[in-house]
Amino acid sequence: SSASSDVFHECLTDDACLGMTAHDAENPQGQCDEGAGYSGRMCSACVSGFSQTLDHVCSKCPPMFWNALRLLAVCVLAGTLVGILLKATLKSAHEVHSRFSIYMKILINY
């Protein structure tokens, strides 16, 4: 809306919107708590260095080290799972009634 509008919209996160005063006519969006990471219209965006959760809450991004460590852990876990599936498939290739690799493939696909 604008500074002269009669339509008011509720802020998505109560703590993010600090409101608007009469002398803020050049900023019709009002003030956001930028120290807590909020910016934009209705304080619905996060400033650089913050990320947004599904419930519109901005939180400080973790250090790059922790993000890299998490990514590495996911890659190792995925590689291990693929290795186990490959080994089970090769081992059961010579068995007539082996169902383990079939169940694993179905489980991984869903």
C-alpha atoms as a PDB file:
ATOM      1  CA  SER A   1       0.000   0.000   0.000  1.00  0.00           C
ATOM      2  CA  SER A   2       1.141   3.582   0.545  1.00  0.00           C
ATOM      3  CA  ALA A   3       1.506   6.092   3.391  1.00  0.00           C
ATOM      4  CA  SER A   4      -1.950   7.533   2.644  1.00  0.00           C
ATOM      5  CA  SER A   5      -3.734   4.189   2.273  1.00  0.00           C
ATOM      6  CA  ASP A   6      -6.507   3.028   4.559  1.00  0.00           C
ATOM      7  CA  VAL A   7      -5.607  -0.615   3.900  1.00  0.00           C
ATOM      8  CA  PHE A   8      -3.332  -2.231   6.467  1.00  0.00           C
ATOM      9  CA  HIS A   9      -1.651  -5.609   6.159  1.00  0.00           C
ATOM     10  CA  GLU A  10      -0.408  -7.602   9.103  1.00  0.00           C
ATOM     11  CA  CYS A  11       3.336  -8.187   9.276  1.00  0.00           C
ATOM     12  CA  LEU A  12       4.314 -11.805   8.578  1.00  0.00           C
ATOM     13  CA  THR A  13       6.564 -11.866  11.641  1.00  0.00           C
ATOM     14  CA  ASP A  14       5.478  -9.695  14.579  1.00  0.00           C
ATOM     15  CA  ASP A  15       9.008  -9.024  15.841  1.00  0.00           C
ATOM     16  CA  ALA A  16      10.248  -7.934  12.394  1.00  0.00           C
ATOM     17  CA  CYS A  17       8.054  -4.866  11.800  1.00  0.00           C
ATOM     18  CA  LEU A  18       8.879  -1.856  13.937  1.00  0.00           C
ATOM     19  CA  GLY A  19       6.060   0.277  12.490  1.00  0.00           C
ATOM     20  CA  MET A  20       5.941   3.689  10.833  1.00  0.00           C
ATOM     21  CA  THR A  21       5.848   7.211  12.205  1.00  0.00           C
ATOM     22  CA  ALA A  22       4.398  10.377  10.661  1.00  0.00           C
ATOM     23  CA  HIS A  23       7.849  11.713   9.699  1.00  0.00           C
ATOM     24  CA  ASP A  24       8.585   8.556   7.658  1.00  0.00           C
ATOM     25  CA  ALA A  25       6.542   9.793   4.677  1.00  0.00           C
ATOM     26  CA  GLU A  26       9.459   9.163   2.286  1.00  0.00           C
ATOM     27  CA  ASN A  27       9.559   5.524   3.426  1.00  0.00           C
ATOM     28  CA  PRO A  28       5.986   4.222   3.099  1.00  0.00           C
ATOM     29  CA  GLN A  29       7.117   0.659   3.876  1.00  0.00           C
ATOM     30  CA  GLY A  30       7.819   1.461   7.518  1.00  0.00           C
ATOM     31  CA  GLN A  31      10.805   0.249   9.494  1.00  0.00           C
ATOM     32  CA  CYS A  32      12.092  -3.305   9.776  1.00  0.00           C
ATOM     33  CA  ASP A  33      14.362  -4.707  12.459  1.00  0.00           C
ATOM     34  CA  GLU A  34      17.481  -4.965  10.274  1.00  0.00           C
ATOM     35  CA  GLY A  35      19.597  -5.957  13.266  1.00  0.00           C
ATOM     36  CA  ALA A  36      17.563  -9.162  13.458  1.00  0.00           C
ATOM     37  CA  GLY A  37      17.934  -9.652   9.688  1.00  0.00           C
ATOM     38  CA  TYR A  38      14.624  -8.324   8.278  1.00  0.00           C
ATOM     39  CA  SER A  39      14.111  -5.993   5.306  1.00  0.00           C
ATOM     40  CA  GLY A  40      11.797  -5.306   2.362  1.00  0.00           C
ATOM     41  CA  ARG A  41       8.052  -4.862   2.082  1.00  0.00           C
ATOM     42  CA  MET A  42       6.206  -6.075   5.148  1.00  0.00           C
ATOM     43  CA  CYS A  43       9.654  -7.087   6.444  1.00  0.00           C
ATOM     44  CA  SER A  44       9.280 -10.356   4.539  1.00  0.00           C
ATOM     45  CA  ALA A  45      12.847 -10.542   3.191  1.00  0.00           C
ATOM     46  CA  CYS A  46      16.153 -11.191   4.929  1.00  0.00           C
ATOM     47  CA  VAL A  47      19.273  -9.051   4.688  1.00  0.00           C
ATOM     48  CA  SER A  48      22.568 -10.496   3.466  1.00  0.00           C
ATOM     49  CA  GLY A  49      24.023 -12.998   5.917  1.00  0.00           C
ATOM     50  CA  PHE A  50      20.597 -14.220   7.058  1.00  0.00           C
ATOM     51  CA  SER A  51      18.363 -17.011   5.735  1.00  0.00           C
ATOM     52  CA  GLN A  52      14.599 -17.421   5.964  1.00  0.00           C
ATOM     53  CA  THR A  53      12.763 -20.405   7.391  1.00  0.00           C
ATOM     54  CA  LEU A  54       9.360 -21.659   6.237  1.00  0.00           C
ATOM     55  CA  ASP A  55       7.574 -19.616   8.907  1.00  0.00           C
ATOM     56  CA  HIS A  56       9.141 -16.320   7.658  1.00  0.00           C
ATOM     57  CA  VAL A  57      11.729 -16.034  10.432  1.00  0.00           C
ATOM     58  CA  CYS A  58      15.186 -14.727   9.501  1.00  0.00           C
ATOM     59  CA  SER A  59      18.121 -16.374  11.232  1.00  0.00           C
ATOM     60  CA  LYS A  60      21.848 -15.800  10.921  1.00  0.00           C
ATOM     61  CA  CYS A  61      23.573 -18.095   8.424  1.00  0.00           C
ATOM     62  CA  PRO A  62      26.011 -20.611   9.913  1.00  0.00           C
ATOM     63  CA  PRO A  63      29.736 -20.187   9.171  1.00  0.00           C
ATOM     64  CA  MET A  64      30.978 -21.517   5.815  1.00  0.00           C
ATOM     65  CA  PHE A  65      32.945 -24.262   7.612  1.00  0.00           C
ATOM     66  CA  TRP A  66      29.758 -25.860   9.012  1.00  0.00           C
ATOM     67  CA  ASN A  67      27.993 -25.671   5.649  1.00  0.00           C
ATOM     68  CA  ALA A  68      30.963 -27.367   3.950  1.00  0.00           C
ATOM     69  CA  LEU A  69      31.063 -30.030   6.682  1.00  0.00           C
ATOM     70  CA  ARG A  70      27.331 -30.756   6.252  1.00  0.00           C
ATOM     71  CA  LEU A  71      27.720 -31.018   2.478  1.00  0.00           C
ATOM     72  CA  LEU A  72      30.669 -33.378   2.884  1.00  0.00           C
ATOM     73  CA  ALA A  73      28.693 -35.564   5.310  1.00  0.00           C
ATOM     74  CA  VAL A  74      25.756 -35.817   2.889  1.00  0.00           C
ATOM     75  CA  CYS A  75      28.099 -36.751   0.018  1.00  0.00           C
ATOM     76  CA  VAL A  76      29.827 -39.434   2.102  1.00  0.00           C
ATOM     77  CA  LEU A  77      26.473 -40.845   3.206  1.00  0.00           C
ATOM     78  CA  ALA A  78      25.161 -40.938  -0.383  1.00  0.00           C
ATOM     79  CA  GLY A  79      28.380 -42.561  -1.618  1.00  0.00           C
ATOM     80  CA  THR A  80      28.202 -45.185   1.129  1.00  0.00           C
ATOM     81  CA  LEU A  81      24.596 -45.975   0.285  1.00  0.00           C
ATOM     82  CA  VAL A  82      25.405 -46.338  -3.423  1.00  0.00           C
ATOM     83  CA  GLY A  83      28.376 -48.576  -2.540  1.00  0.00           C
ATOM     84  CA  ILE A  84      26.219 -50.829  -0.357  1.00  0.00           C
ATOM     85  CA  LEU A  85      23.573 -51.095  -3.058  1.00  0.00           C
ATOM     86  CA  LEU A  86      26.175 -51.864  -5.724  1.00  0.00           C
ATOM     87  CA  LYS A  87      27.832 -54.537  -3.576  1.00  0.00           C
ATOM     88  CA  ALA A  88      24.474 -56.152  -2.756  1.00  0.00           C
ATOM     89  CA  THR A  89      23.464 -56.156  -6.419  1.00  0.00           C
ATOM     90  CA  LEU A  90      26.717 -57.761  -7.544  1.00  0.00           C
ATOM     91  CA  LYS A  91      26.603 -60.325  -4.732  1.00  0.00           C
ATOM     92  CA  SER A  92      23.030 -61.327  -5.504  1.00  0.00           C
ATOM     93  CA  ALA A  93      23.554 -61.490  -9.276  1.00  0.00           C
ATOM     94  CA  HIS A  94      24.526 -65.152  -9.024  1.00  0.00           C
ATOM     95  CA  GLU A  95      21.687 -66.130  -6.695  1.00  0.00           C
ATOM     96  CA  VAL A  96      18.443 -67.315  -8.240  1.00  0.00           C
ATOM     97  CA  HIS A  97      15.957 -66.044  -5.621  1.00  0.00           C
ATOM     98  CA  SER A  98      17.697 -63.031  -4.106  1.00  0.00           C
ATOM     99  CA  ARG A  99      15.301 -60.204  -3.328  1.00  0.00           C
ATOM    100  CA  PHE A 100      17.555 -57.908  -1.277  1.00  0.00           C
ATOM    101  CA  SER A 101      18.793 -55.795  -4.191  1.00  0.00           C
ATOM    102  CA  ILE A 102      15.259 -55.526  -5.595  1.00  0.00           C
ATOM    103  CA  TYR A 103      13.923 -54.245  -2.274  1.00  0.00           C
ATOM    104  CA  MET A 104      16.828 -51.820  -1.906  1.00  0.00           C
ATOM    105  CA  LYS A 105      16.234 -50.383  -5.396  1.00  0.00           C
ATOM    106  CA  ILE A 106      12.535 -49.952  -4.699  1.00  0.00           C
ATOM    107  CA  LEU A 107      13.257 -48.337  -1.318  1.00  0.00           C
ATOM    108  CA  ILE A 108      15.796 -45.891  -2.767  1.00  0.00           C
ATOM    109  CA  ASN A 109      13.533 -44.920  -5.664  1.00  0.00           C
ATOM    110  CA  TYR A 110      10.728 -43.972  -3.308  1.00  0.00           C
END
